[in-house]
Amino acid sequence: MTDAVDTVNRRARGLDRAFEILDFLRLQRQPMRPNEIAQGIGAPRSSVYELVNLLIRQGVIEYRGDDGRVFLGRKLYFLGAAYAEQFDLMRECEHLLTRIAEETRETAQMCQLEGNKYAVVLMNEGSRPFRISTNIGEPVAIPWTASGRLLVDHMSDEQILDFIPAEDFVLPTGKRLDPPDFIRQVREAKKDGYFTFNSIVDSFTHCFAVPVYDAEGICIATLCLVAPKEDGLRNRDAYLRVLIDAAAELSEKLGYRQDGPSVRTAARAATGY
């Protein structure tokens, strides 16, 4: 019995390590040698080499070039395609982001929590020459983002402080955002039904975020716009109207219902249009 339990535990640890390797390659976004991966994740080289060889045999990662570097393999693409076919949120968001980008000419995004971080999940760049450098799947500190004020709005104050690492309240400028101020912004964003601000990450964009609710009333995603600062401020009401309508449409498709005014009506009332 003990031997069987030990075998299960070893396999579980190996599976955890395999996903750690895949996540590390995803975040690095470039082919790497197994010894570089081992160093990056703090794992024994022998176990990383063994798992890399296993993942290569399964087609989950592939060799890139002739120097032993590996990267994510095509099987992951096929798995991701199968996932996208069955996940209504992803499919619906793709259509909505296209519509939002066409109506505003700005970069439209769908964002979610990734562990205790924020991440862009889908993105449709607008038609204007302006471009942003956010990578899909790149983890960002929650307090640095407009979406972060909405994605944790179902938590209590204590849960928010336990969930977000203390160091994530230090902004890219080195200034520290006071956690009570962040919580106050979370509560105001919940009441308003949206959050907008000049980006904390850079000095030239204005960010808009509107919540997407599931059937339980939990904000499971946000629809966002990232615009040049002056254009974002000048077109604030029009951009919010487009986002609010799209997010309300998606929330209703996911089964969200609430007593009183609809998501769309409540948010529009808060913005005055």
Protein backbone atom coordinates (compact mmCIF):
# COMPACT_ATOMS: atom_id res chain seq x y z
CA MET A 1 0.00 0.00 0.00
CA THR A 2 2.81 2.40 0.93
CA ASP A 3 4.61 1.69 -2.35
CA ALA A 4 1.44 2.43 -4.32
CA VAL A 5 0.95 5.76 -2.50
CA ASP A 6 4.58 6.70 -3.12
CA THR A 7 4.17 5.93 -6.82
CA VAL A 8 1.06 8.12 -7.06
CA ASN A 9 2.82 10.96 -5.23
CA ARG A 10 5.86 10.75 -7.53
CA ARG A 11 3.65 10.85 -10.61
CA ALA A 12 1.74 13.84 -9.22
CA ARG A 13 4.98 15.70 -8.55
CA GLY A 14 6.19 14.86 -12.05
CA LEU A 15 2.94 16.17 -13.54
CA ASP A 16 3.23 19.38 -11.53
CA ARG A 17 6.80 19.80 -12.73
CA ALA A 18 5.80 19.17 -16.36
CA PHE A 19 3.21 21.94 -16.20
CA GLU A 20 5.78 24.16 -14.51
CA ILE A 21 8.08 23.63 -17.51
CA LEU A 22 5.27 24.46 -19.95
CA ASP A 23 4.31 27.57 -18.03
CA PHE A 24 7.93 28.71 -17.87
CA LEU A 25 8.30 28.39 -21.66
CA ARG A 26 5.00 30.22 -22.14
CA LEU A 27 6.19 33.14 -20.04
CA GLN A 28 9.68 33.25 -21.57
CA ARG A 29 8.22 33.18 -25.10
CA GLN A 30 11.40 31.81 -26.64
CA PRO A 31 13.07 28.41 -27.12
CA MET A 32 15.39 27.42 -24.27
CA ARG A 33 17.79 24.63 -23.39
CA PRO A 34 16.72 22.15 -20.69
CA ASN A 35 19.49 23.33 -18.34
CA GLU A 36 18.21 26.93 -18.71
CA ILE A 37 14.71 25.73 -17.89
CA ALA A 38 15.98 23.86 -14.84
CA GLN A 39 17.78 26.96 -13.62
CA GLY A 40 14.74 29.15 -14.30
CA ILE A 41 12.31 27.01 -12.31
CA GLY A 42 14.78 25.93 -9.66
CA ALA A 43 14.50 22.22 -10.43
CA PRO A 44 17.10 19.44 -10.67
CA ARG A 45 18.52 19.23 -14.18
CA SER A 46 18.14 15.45 -14.26
CA SER A 47 14.39 15.57 -13.66
CA VAL A 48 13.92 18.43 -16.15
CA TYR A 49 15.84 16.55 -18.86
CA GLU A 50 13.74 13.45 -18.21
CA LEU A 51 10.46 15.39 -18.41
CA VAL A 52 11.56 17.35 -21.47
CA ASN A 53 12.28 14.09 -23.30
CA LEU A 54 8.87 12.73 -22.27
CA LEU A 55 7.10 15.89 -23.44
CA ILE A 56 8.99 15.78 -26.75
CA ARG A 57 7.90 12.18 -27.33
CA GLN A 58 4.29 13.26 -26.76
CA GLY A 59 4.60 16.24 -29.11
CA VAL A 60 3.81 18.70 -26.31
CA ILE A 61 7.14 20.48 -26.80
CA GLU A 62 9.44 20.42 -29.82
CA TYR A 63 13.07 21.04 -30.67
CA ARG A 64 13.76 24.44 -32.21
CA GLY A 65 17.05 24.67 -34.10
CA ASP A 66 20.09 22.41 -33.81
CA ASP A 67 21.40 23.51 -30.42
CA GLY A 68 19.03 21.54 -28.17
CA ARG A 69 16.59 24.36 -27.51
CA VAL A 70 12.93 23.43 -27.05
CA PHE A 71 9.63 25.28 -27.13
CA LEU A 72 5.91 24.61 -26.95
CA GLY A 73 4.75 22.06 -29.52
CA ARG A 74 1.93 21.89 -32.02
CA LYS A 75 -0.06 19.44 -29.89
CA LEU A 76 -0.71 22.31 -27.50
CA TYR A 77 -2.14 24.29 -30.39
CA PHE A 78 -4.51 21.43 -31.21
CA LEU A 79 -5.51 21.10 -27.57
CA GLY A 80 -6.08 24.84 -27.37
CA ALA A 81 -8.20 24.78 -30.52
CA ALA A 82 -10.37 22.00 -29.07
CA TYR A 83 -10.71 23.98 -25.83
CA ALA A 84 -11.74 27.13 -27.71
CA GLU A 85 -14.37 25.23 -29.71
CA GLN A 86 -16.11 24.12 -26.53
CA PHE A 87 -15.67 27.21 -24.37
CA ASP A 88 -18.48 29.61 -25.22
CA LEU A 89 -16.89 32.55 -23.41
CA MET A 90 -13.83 32.47 -25.64
CA ARG A 91 -15.82 32.12 -28.83
CA GLU A 92 -18.27 34.87 -27.92
CA CYS A 93 -15.47 37.18 -26.81
CA GLU A 94 -13.65 36.81 -30.12
CA HIS A 95 -16.73 38.11 -31.96
CA LEU A 96 -17.29 40.92 -29.47
CA LEU A 97 -13.67 42.07 -29.49
CA THR A 98 -13.77 42.29 -33.28
CA ARG A 99 -16.92 44.41 -33.06
CA ILE A 100 -15.49 46.64 -30.32
CA ALA A 101 -12.25 47.22 -32.21
CA GLU A 102 -14.14 48.06 -35.42
CA GLU A 103 -16.46 50.53 -33.65
CA THR A 104 -13.74 52.30 -31.68
CA ARG A 105 -10.59 51.71 -33.77
CA GLU A 106 -8.85 51.01 -30.44
CA THR A 107 -7.24 47.84 -29.07
CA ALA A 108 -9.88 45.62 -27.44
CA GLN A 109 -9.08 42.92 -24.89
CA MET A 110 -10.68 40.23 -22.78
CA CYS A 111 -8.88 39.85 -19.45
CA GLN A 112 -9.11 37.41 -16.54
CA LEU A 113 -7.33 36.41 -13.37
CA GLU A 114 -4.39 34.03 -13.76
CA GLY A 115 -3.75 32.79 -10.23
CA ASN A 116 -3.26 35.94 -8.17
CA LYS A 117 -2.29 37.98 -11.24
CA TYR A 118 -4.08 39.64 -14.14
CA ALA A 119 -3.62 38.48 -17.73
CA VAL A 120 -4.86 39.41 -21.20
CA VAL A 121 -6.56 36.31 -22.63
CA LEU A 122 -7.73 37.60 -26.03
CA MET A 123 -6.84 40.75 -27.94
CA ASN A 124 -7.95 42.46 -31.14
CA GLU A 125 -5.82 45.41 -32.19
CA GLY A 126 -7.57 48.46 -33.58
CA SER A 127 -7.10 49.91 -37.04
CA ARG A 128 -5.19 53.00 -35.94
CA PRO A 129 -1.36 53.02 -36.15
CA PHE A 130 -1.17 53.08 -32.33
CA ARG A 131 -0.11 49.72 -30.89
CA ILE A 132 0.38 48.39 -27.40
CA SER A 133 2.96 45.84 -26.27
CA THR A 134 0.93 43.73 -23.82
CA ASN A 135 1.47 40.02 -24.43
CA ILE A 136 -1.41 37.59 -24.19
CA GLY A 137 -0.99 35.49 -21.06
CA GLU A 138 1.67 37.69 -19.48
CA PRO A 139 0.99 37.93 -15.71
CA VAL A 140 0.66 41.47 -14.36
CA ALA A 141 0.10 42.67 -10.80
CA ILE A 142 -3.64 43.17 -10.21
CA PRO A 143 -3.36 46.69 -8.70
CA TRP A 144 -1.57 47.90 -11.84
CA THR A 145 -4.65 47.36 -14.03
CA ALA A 146 -8.11 48.83 -14.55
CA SER A 147 -9.53 45.29 -14.78
CA GLY A 148 -8.03 44.42 -11.41
CA ARG A 149 -10.55 46.67 -9.66
CA LEU A 150 -13.37 44.56 -11.10
CA LEU A 151 -11.97 41.04 -11.09
CA VAL A 152 -11.73 40.96 -7.27
CA ASP A 153 -14.93 42.85 -6.49
CA HIS A 154 -16.69 39.70 -5.25
CA MET A 155 -14.14 39.31 -2.43
CA SER A 156 -14.24 40.82 1.05
CA ASP A 157 -11.63 43.39 2.03
CA GLU A 158 -9.71 40.75 3.97
CA GLN A 159 -9.87 38.27 1.08
CA ILE A 160 -8.50 40.87 -1.32
CA LEU A 161 -5.53 41.63 0.95
CA ASP A 162 -4.85 37.91 1.43
CA PHE A 163 -5.15 37.24 -2.30
CA ILE A 164 -2.91 39.99 -3.69
CA PRO A 165 0.79 39.74 -2.76
CA ALA A 166 1.90 42.73 -0.70
CA GLU A 167 4.69 43.53 -3.15
CA ASP A 168 2.17 43.91 -6.00
CA PHE A 169 0.96 47.18 -4.46
CA VAL A 170 4.32 48.69 -5.43
CA LEU A 171 3.66 50.35 -8.80
CA PRO A 172 6.09 50.41 -11.76
CA THR A 173 7.07 53.95 -10.73
CA GLY A 174 8.24 52.64 -7.36
CA LYS A 175 5.38 54.39 -5.56
CA ARG A 176 3.25 52.21 -3.28
CA LEU A 177 -0.51 52.14 -3.75
CA ASP A 178 -2.13 52.19 -0.32
CA PRO A 179 -4.21 48.95 -0.08
CA PRO A 180 -7.22 50.77 1.51
CA ASP A 181 -7.22 53.15 -1.47
CA PHE A 182 -7.22 50.18 -3.84
CA ILE A 183 -10.12 48.57 -1.97
CA ARG A 184 -12.05 51.86 -2.11
CA GLN A 185 -11.54 51.90 -5.88
CA VAL A 186 -12.74 48.28 -6.08
CA ARG A 187 -15.97 49.16 -4.28
CA GLU A 188 -16.55 52.26 -6.41
CA ALA A 189 -15.91 50.27 -9.61
CA LYS A 190 -18.42 47.64 -8.47
CA LYS A 191 -21.05 50.32 -7.87
CA ASP A 192 -20.34 52.16 -11.14
CA GLY A 193 -20.12 49.04 -13.30
CA TYR A 194 -16.82 50.05 -14.92
CA PHE A 195 -13.36 51.47 -14.17
CA THR A 196 -11.20 53.81 -16.21
CA PHE A 197 -7.84 55.45 -15.56
CA ASN A 198 -4.61 56.63 -17.12
CA SER A 199 -2.42 53.55 -17.32
CA ILE A 200 -0.07 52.91 -14.41
CA VAL A 201 2.20 50.78 -16.59
CA ASP A 202 2.91 53.50 -19.15
CA SER A 203 2.34 57.25 -19.47
CA PHE A 204 0.56 57.45 -22.82
CA THR A 205 -2.55 55.24 -22.62
CA HIS A 206 -5.97 55.41 -21.03
CA CYS A 207 -7.58 52.11 -20.01
CA PHE A 208 -11.25 51.15 -19.82
CA ALA A 209 -12.60 47.98 -18.17
CA VAL A 210 -16.17 46.67 -17.84
CA PRO A 211 -17.13 43.46 -15.98
CA VAL A 212 -18.49 40.26 -17.48
CA TYR A 213 -20.60 38.38 -14.93
CA ASP A 214 -21.44 34.69 -14.78
CA ALA A 215 -24.78 33.25 -13.66
CA GLU A 216 -23.73 33.61 -10.00
CA GLY A 217 -22.96 37.30 -10.39
CA ILE A 218 -19.18 36.84 -10.18
CA CYS A 219 -16.98 38.95 -12.45
CA ILE A 220 -15.18 36.21 -14.38
CA ALA A 221 -13.67 38.47 -17.04
CA THR A 222 -13.49 42.04 -18.26
CA LEU A 223 -13.85 43.62 -21.67
CA CYS A 224 -11.30 46.38 -22.06
CA LEU A 225 -10.09 49.13 -24.34
CA VAL A 226 -6.60 50.58 -24.41
CA ALA A 227 -6.43 53.94 -26.19
CA PRO A 228 -3.98 56.81 -26.54
CA LYS A 229 -4.55 59.00 -23.49
CA GLU A 230 -5.97 62.07 -25.25
CA ASP A 231 -8.29 60.03 -27.48
CA GLY A 232 -9.44 57.92 -24.55
CA LEU A 233 -10.38 60.98 -22.49
CA ARG A 234 -12.05 62.74 -25.44
CA ASN A 235 -14.14 59.67 -26.39
CA ARG A 236 -14.69 58.36 -22.87
CA ASP A 237 -18.50 58.17 -22.96
CA ALA A 238 -18.67 56.67 -26.44
CA TYR A 239 -16.05 54.02 -25.62
CA LEU A 240 -17.76 53.13 -22.36
CA ARG A 241 -21.10 52.78 -24.14
CA VAL A 242 -19.61 50.26 -26.59
CA LEU A 243 -17.95 48.25 -23.80
CA ILE A 244 -20.97 48.31 -21.50
CA ASP A 245 -23.30 47.09 -24.24
CA ALA A 246 -20.93 44.27 -25.22
CA ALA A 247 -20.27 43.16 -21.62
CA ALA A 248 -23.98 43.22 -20.78
CA GLU A 249 -24.75 41.14 -23.87
CA LEU A 250 -22.10 38.58 -22.90
CA SER A 251 -23.17 38.50 -19.24
CA GLU A 252 -26.77 37.82 -20.25
CA LYS A 253 -25.66 34.96 -22.52
CA LEU A 254 -23.80 33.46 -19.56
CA GLY A 255 -27.02 33.46 -17.56
CA TYR A 256 -26.46 36.56 -15.44
CA ARG A 257 -29.62 38.09 -14.06
CA GLN A 258 -30.07 40.68 -11.35
CA ASP A 259 -32.95 42.27 -9.51
CA GLY A 260 -33.71 45.82 -10.58
CA PRO A 261 -32.06 47.55 -13.56
CA SER A 262 -30.03 45.53 -16.03
CA VAL A 263 -26.24 45.69 -16.09
CA ARG A 264 -26.47 47.92 -19.14
CA THR A 265 -29.00 50.31 -17.59
CA ALA A 266 -27.21 50.57 -14.25
CA ALA A 267 -23.82 51.27 -15.80
CA ARG A 268 -25.26 53.79 -18.25
CA ALA A 269 -26.98 55.59 -15.42
CA ALA A 270 -23.69 55.81 -13.55
CA THR A 271 -21.96 57.42 -16.57
CA GLY A 272 -24.79 59.82 -17.25
CA TYR A 273 -25.80 58.68 -20.75
